[in-house]
Amino acid sequence: MDPHPFDAATALVPAADGGLEGATHPAWSNMVGPYGGITAAVMLGAAGSHPQRLGEPVSLTVNFAGPVADGPFRIDARPVRTNRSTQHWTLALSQADEVAATGTALFALRRDTWGHQELAAPDAPPAARVPVTPFSGRFAWPARYEMRFVSGPWPDLANPASPLPDDSLSLMWIRDHPPRPLDAASLVALCDAFYPRIFRRRQRFNPSGTVSITTHLHADAVALAAQGARPVLARARAQRFAKGFSDQLVQVWGDDGTLLASSMQTVYAKD
């Protein structure tokens, strides 16, 4: 049986000098190079598969120093400090001896402590009552997800909304396609699955790209395993567009209302 497209795209093999080698996958292609979420996932996997790794991932930051090109790449993952319960990593993805992305990751031994969730999941009909939203764009990665938009769907770029929406908010149920049990790497990838918020506000194609994305993983492996392959509820919005950049805030809840992850990214947009 062929591997799931996510697992094929995030597969890494050890290099003789201790680095890790992989290659981009055509199923995850984007406007330029691969979808950013799959790059983030493979960088997390480089630390997660390291023999010195301690505990589970808690947060990941990936900075896209330049476009990742289609083809082979190398990842160097280094634990820079390990404490009793936390471990800090630096990451670098390079192609042809040039760095394309850098990152940092925090892993930790999670403990049972007092907890409370302040951010409730937004009201939304169950996933089964929301039809799958079709996508017919010119790049491949959206087909790797089953998206069921509750609000703020892909804009019809040939027939812009009138009047233009007054917010950048989108809400959808989403899971891997074909379905795959959720884990930390696939959750990191999913947090980047929204189209650029400027597309929604302007209702037109606007060349854009993620410059930096930080994802906080609030759920441990047990909670993610309990979610399984069922759709999760995800919400995205921007807070400000200014001088060529904007942010994008994303939250992801399990179908029981548990906040699984949150992320913030900086997005560059060209007029």
Protein backbone atom coordinates (compact mmCIF):
# COMPACT_ATOMS: atom_id res chain seq x y z
CA MET A 1 0.00 0.00 0.00
CA ASP A 2 1.29 3.46 -0.89
CA PRO A 3 1.93 5.80 2.06
CA HIS A 4 -0.50 8.57 2.81
CA PRO A 5 0.45 11.74 0.86
CA PHE A 6 1.27 13.49 4.15
CA ASP A 7 3.63 10.73 5.25
CA ALA A 8 5.24 10.59 1.81
CA ALA A 9 5.87 14.34 1.88
CA THR A 10 7.35 14.35 5.38
CA ALA A 11 9.58 11.29 5.00
CA LEU A 12 13.24 11.90 5.90
CA VAL A 13 16.33 9.72 5.65
CA PRO A 14 19.51 10.16 7.70
CA ALA A 15 22.56 11.61 5.97
CA ALA A 16 26.03 10.28 6.70
CA ASP A 17 27.01 13.44 8.61
CA GLY A 18 23.96 13.46 10.90
CA GLY A 19 21.64 15.68 8.90
CA LEU A 20 18.36 14.55 7.35
CA GLU A 21 17.41 14.50 3.69
CA GLY A 22 14.00 14.71 2.03
CA ALA A 23 12.30 16.00 -1.09
CA THR A 24 9.25 18.07 -1.90
CA HIS A 25 6.13 16.19 -3.03
CA PRO A 26 4.02 17.26 -6.02
CA ALA A 27 0.78 16.62 -4.13
CA TRP A 28 1.66 19.56 -1.86
CA SER A 29 2.68 22.09 -4.51
CA ASN A 30 1.68 25.73 -4.07
CA MET A 31 1.97 28.93 -6.12
CA VAL A 32 5.78 28.79 -5.69
CA GLY A 33 7.32 25.59 -4.36
CA PRO A 34 5.58 23.49 -1.68
CA TYR A 35 2.75 24.49 0.68
CA GLY A 36 4.25 26.17 3.74
CA GLY A 37 2.39 23.95 6.17
CA ILE A 38 4.07 20.81 4.87
CA THR A 39 7.48 22.49 5.20
CA ALA A 40 6.68 23.31 8.83
CA ALA A 41 5.55 19.73 9.44
CA VAL A 42 8.70 18.20 7.99
CA MET A 43 10.88 20.52 10.07
CA LEU A 44 9.01 19.50 13.22
CA GLY A 45 9.49 15.87 12.20
CA ALA A 46 13.23 16.39 11.94
CA ALA A 47 13.41 17.28 15.62
CA GLY A 48 10.76 14.75 16.62
CA SER A 49 12.65 11.85 15.05
CA HIS A 50 16.02 12.84 16.53
CA PRO A 51 17.46 10.24 18.96
CA GLN A 52 18.07 12.95 21.56
CA ARG A 53 14.50 14.29 21.49
CA LEU A 54 12.87 14.81 24.88
CA GLY A 55 9.09 14.71 25.34
CA GLU A 56 6.50 16.12 22.96
CA PRO A 57 6.34 19.27 20.81
CA VAL A 58 4.87 22.35 22.51
CA SER A 59 5.65 25.08 19.98
CA LEU A 60 7.29 25.55 16.60
CA THR A 61 8.40 28.66 14.72
CA VAL A 62 9.39 28.49 11.07
CA ASN A 63 10.86 31.47 9.21
CA PHE A 64 10.84 31.29 5.42
CA ALA A 65 14.11 32.95 4.48
CA GLY A 66 13.38 32.39 0.79
CA PRO A 67 11.22 30.23 -1.43
CA VAL A 68 11.61 26.48 -1.00
CA ALA A 69 12.18 25.08 -4.49
CA ASP A 70 10.72 21.85 -5.79
CA GLY A 71 13.26 19.06 -5.31
CA PRO A 72 15.58 17.67 -2.64
CA PHE A 73 16.36 19.44 0.62
CA ARG A 74 18.36 18.90 3.77
CA ILE A 75 17.35 19.63 7.37
CA ASP A 76 19.77 20.10 10.24
CA ALA A 77 18.10 19.77 13.65
CA ARG A 78 20.15 20.53 16.76
CA PRO A 79 19.12 20.43 20.43
CA VAL A 80 20.71 23.57 21.85
CA ARG A 81 19.68 23.03 25.47
CA THR A 82 17.98 20.25 27.40
CA ASN A 83 16.64 20.87 30.89
CA ARG A 84 14.80 18.47 33.20
CA SER A 85 11.48 18.88 31.42
CA THR A 86 12.10 21.17 28.42
CA GLN A 87 14.27 20.99 25.34
CA HIS A 88 15.06 23.76 22.83
CA TRP A 89 15.92 23.16 19.19
CA THR A 90 17.27 25.08 16.22
CA LEU A 91 16.36 23.95 12.73
CA ALA A 92 17.56 24.83 9.24
CA LEU A 93 16.31 23.64 5.86
CA SER A 94 18.74 24.14 3.00
CA GLN A 95 18.87 23.50 -0.72
CA ALA A 96 22.02 23.69 -2.86
CA ASP A 97 23.96 24.92 0.20
CA GLU A 98 21.61 27.89 0.68
CA VAL A 99 19.28 28.21 3.68
CA ALA A 100 15.62 28.37 2.65
CA ALA A 101 13.99 28.16 6.10
CA THR A 102 15.05 28.38 9.72
CA GLY A 103 13.16 27.42 12.83
CA THR A 104 13.06 26.87 16.55
CA ALA A 105 11.10 24.26 18.44
CA LEU A 106 10.24 23.62 22.06
CA PHE A 107 9.69 20.07 23.27
CA ALA A 108 8.71 19.18 26.82
CA LEU A 109 7.66 16.44 29.20
CA ARG A 110 4.04 17.39 29.80
CA ARG A 111 2.76 17.05 33.37
CA ASP A 112 -0.72 16.71 34.83
CA THR A 113 -1.35 20.12 36.37
CA TRP A 114 -4.22 22.57 36.86
CA GLY A 115 -5.67 23.66 33.54
CA HIS A 116 -8.43 25.82 32.11
CA GLN A 117 -9.54 26.73 28.58
CA GLU A 118 -10.62 30.35 28.22
CA LEU A 119 -11.28 30.41 24.47
CA ALA A 120 -14.47 28.55 23.59
CA ALA A 121 -15.09 27.06 20.18
CA PRO A 122 -17.32 29.24 17.97
CA ASP A 123 -20.85 28.12 17.18
CA ALA A 124 -20.94 25.92 14.10
CA PRO A 125 -23.15 23.14 12.79
CA PRO A 126 -21.67 19.64 13.01
CA ALA A 127 -19.23 18.80 10.25
CA ALA A 128 -21.56 16.20 8.76
CA ARG A 129 -24.14 18.94 8.10
CA VAL A 130 -21.70 21.20 6.23
CA PRO A 131 -21.01 20.22 2.60
CA VAL A 132 -17.44 19.83 1.37
CA THR A 133 -16.29 23.01 -0.36
CA PRO A 134 -14.91 22.31 -3.85
CA PHE A 135 -11.65 23.87 -5.01
CA SER A 136 -10.60 24.29 -8.63
CA GLY A 137 -7.45 26.39 -8.34
CA ARG A 138 -4.18 25.95 -10.16
CA PHE A 139 -2.17 24.49 -7.30
CA ALA A 140 -2.34 21.06 -5.68
CA TRP A 141 -2.18 21.30 -1.91
CA PRO A 142 -5.87 22.19 -1.15
CA ALA A 143 -6.84 18.77 -2.52
CA ARG A 144 -4.94 17.28 0.41
CA TYR A 145 -7.66 18.58 2.74
CA GLU A 146 -11.38 18.05 3.09
CA MET A 147 -12.61 21.58 3.79
CA ARG A 148 -16.16 22.34 4.90
CA PHE A 149 -16.48 26.13 5.16
CA VAL A 150 -19.06 27.44 7.60
CA SER A 151 -18.19 31.02 6.62
CA GLY A 152 -15.58 32.86 4.59
CA PRO A 153 -15.08 30.26 1.84
CA TRP A 154 -12.60 30.48 -1.03
CA PRO A 155 -13.47 33.68 -2.90
CA ASP A 156 -14.78 33.39 -6.43
CA LEU A 157 -11.98 35.36 -8.04
CA ALA A 158 -13.85 35.56 -11.33
CA ASN A 159 -16.95 36.99 -9.64
CA PRO A 160 -15.90 39.06 -6.63
CA ALA A 161 -18.38 39.56 -3.81
CA SER A 162 -20.24 42.83 -3.83
CA PRO A 163 -20.07 44.61 -1.49
CA LEU A 164 -16.64 43.48 -0.30
CA PRO A 165 -16.67 41.73 3.10
CA ASP A 166 -15.84 43.94 6.05
CA ASP A 167 -13.75 41.31 7.86
CA SER A 168 -11.21 38.61 7.03
CA LEU A 169 -12.83 35.86 9.09
CA SER A 170 -13.16 32.27 7.87
CA LEU A 171 -14.48 29.27 9.80
CA MET A 172 -14.33 25.70 8.56
CA TRP A 173 -14.31 22.04 9.47
CA ILE A 174 -11.18 20.42 8.06
CA ARG A 175 -9.27 17.16 8.02
CA ASP A 176 -6.66 15.44 5.89
CA HIS A 177 -7.78 13.92 2.60
CA PRO A 178 -7.78 10.99 2.50
CA PRO A 179 -8.58 10.93 6.24
CA ARG A 180 -5.57 10.37 8.50
CA PRO A 181 -5.40 10.26 12.32
CA LEU A 182 -4.33 13.63 13.66
CA ASP A 183 -0.85 13.98 15.16
CA ALA A 184 1.44 16.89 16.03
CA ALA A 185 3.02 17.17 12.58
CA SER A 186 -0.28 17.06 10.69
CA LEU A 187 -1.79 19.60 13.12
CA VAL A 188 1.11 21.98 12.46
CA ALA A 189 0.52 21.62 8.72
CA LEU A 190 -3.23 22.14 9.08
CA CYS A 191 -2.73 25.44 10.93
CA ASP A 192 -1.51 26.92 7.64
CA ALA A 193 -4.44 25.62 5.56
CA PHE A 194 -6.29 28.93 5.16
CA TYR A 195 -5.91 30.97 1.99
CA PRO A 196 -4.34 34.44 2.56
CA ARG A 197 -6.70 36.75 4.43
CA ILE A 198 -6.08 39.53 1.92
CA PHE A 199 -7.84 37.38 -0.70
CA ARG A 200 -11.00 37.58 1.38
CA ARG A 201 -10.86 41.28 2.11
CA ARG A 202 -10.11 42.29 -1.47
CA GLN A 203 -11.91 39.39 -3.20
CA ARG A 204 -9.14 39.02 -5.72
CA PHE A 205 -5.89 37.17 -6.21
CA ASN A 206 -3.07 39.01 -4.43
CA PRO A 207 0.44 37.52 -4.58
CA SER A 208 1.19 36.61 -0.96
CA GLY A 209 3.41 34.38 1.10
CA THR A 210 4.07 33.40 4.70
CA VAL A 211 7.26 34.90 6.07
CA SER A 212 7.08 33.45 9.60
CA ILE A 213 4.64 31.18 11.42
CA THR A 214 4.53 30.16 15.08
CA THR A 215 2.27 27.32 16.16
CA HIS A 216 1.44 26.45 19.77
CA LEU A 217 0.37 22.87 20.36
CA HIS A 218 -2.02 22.82 23.31
CA ALA A 219 -2.89 19.13 23.02
CA ASP A 220 -0.65 16.18 23.81
CA ALA A 221 -0.42 12.93 21.85
CA VAL A 222 -3.21 11.34 23.89
CA ALA A 223 -5.66 14.16 23.08
CA LEU A 224 -4.72 14.10 19.40
CA ALA A 225 -5.18 10.33 19.26
CA ALA A 226 -8.64 10.76 20.81
CA GLN A 227 -9.57 13.17 17.98
CA GLY A 228 -8.49 10.55 15.46
CA ALA A 229 -9.35 11.26 11.82
CA ARG A 230 -12.52 13.26 12.50
CA PRO A 231 -12.73 16.87 11.24
CA VAL A 232 -11.53 19.70 13.47
CA LEU A 233 -12.98 23.21 13.60
CA ALA A 234 -10.57 25.95 12.49
CA ARG A 235 -10.92 29.72 12.45
CA ALA A 236 -8.68 32.35 10.83
CA ARG A 237 -8.61 36.11 10.67
CA ALA A 238 -6.18 39.00 10.28
CA GLN A 239 -5.90 41.92 12.68
CA ARG A 240 -4.25 44.48 10.40
CA PHE A 241 -3.01 44.92 6.85
CA ALA A 242 -0.31 47.60 6.58
CA LYS A 243 2.62 48.50 4.33
CA GLY A 244 2.84 45.16 2.56
CA PHE A 245 2.39 42.88 5.57
CA SER A 246 -0.41 41.42 7.65
CA ASP A 247 -0.85 38.88 10.39
CA GLN A 248 -3.07 35.81 10.47
CA LEU A 249 -4.42 34.26 13.66
CA VAL A 250 -5.65 30.66 13.60
CA GLN A 251 -7.29 28.51 16.26
CA VAL A 252 -8.11 24.82 15.92
CA TRP A 253 -10.61 22.99 18.13
CA GLY A 254 -11.42 19.30 18.35
CA ASP A 255 -15.01 18.25 17.71
CA ASP A 256 -15.52 18.15 21.49
CA GLY A 257 -14.61 21.85 21.81
CA THR A 258 -11.06 21.31 23.10
CA LEU A 259 -8.57 23.88 21.82
CA LEU A 260 -5.87 21.81 20.12
CA ALA A 261 -3.60 24.47 18.62
CA SER A 262 -3.25 28.16 17.86
CA SER A 263 -0.92 29.93 15.47
CA MET A 264 0.10 33.36 14.27
CA GLN A 265 1.87 34.13 11.04
CA THR A 266 3.34 37.15 9.31
CA VAL A 267 2.29 37.39 5.67
CA TYR A 268 3.88 39.42 2.91
CA ALA A 269 1.59 40.69 0.15
CA LYS A 270 2.52 42.34 -3.12
CA ASP A 271 0.14 44.67 -4.93
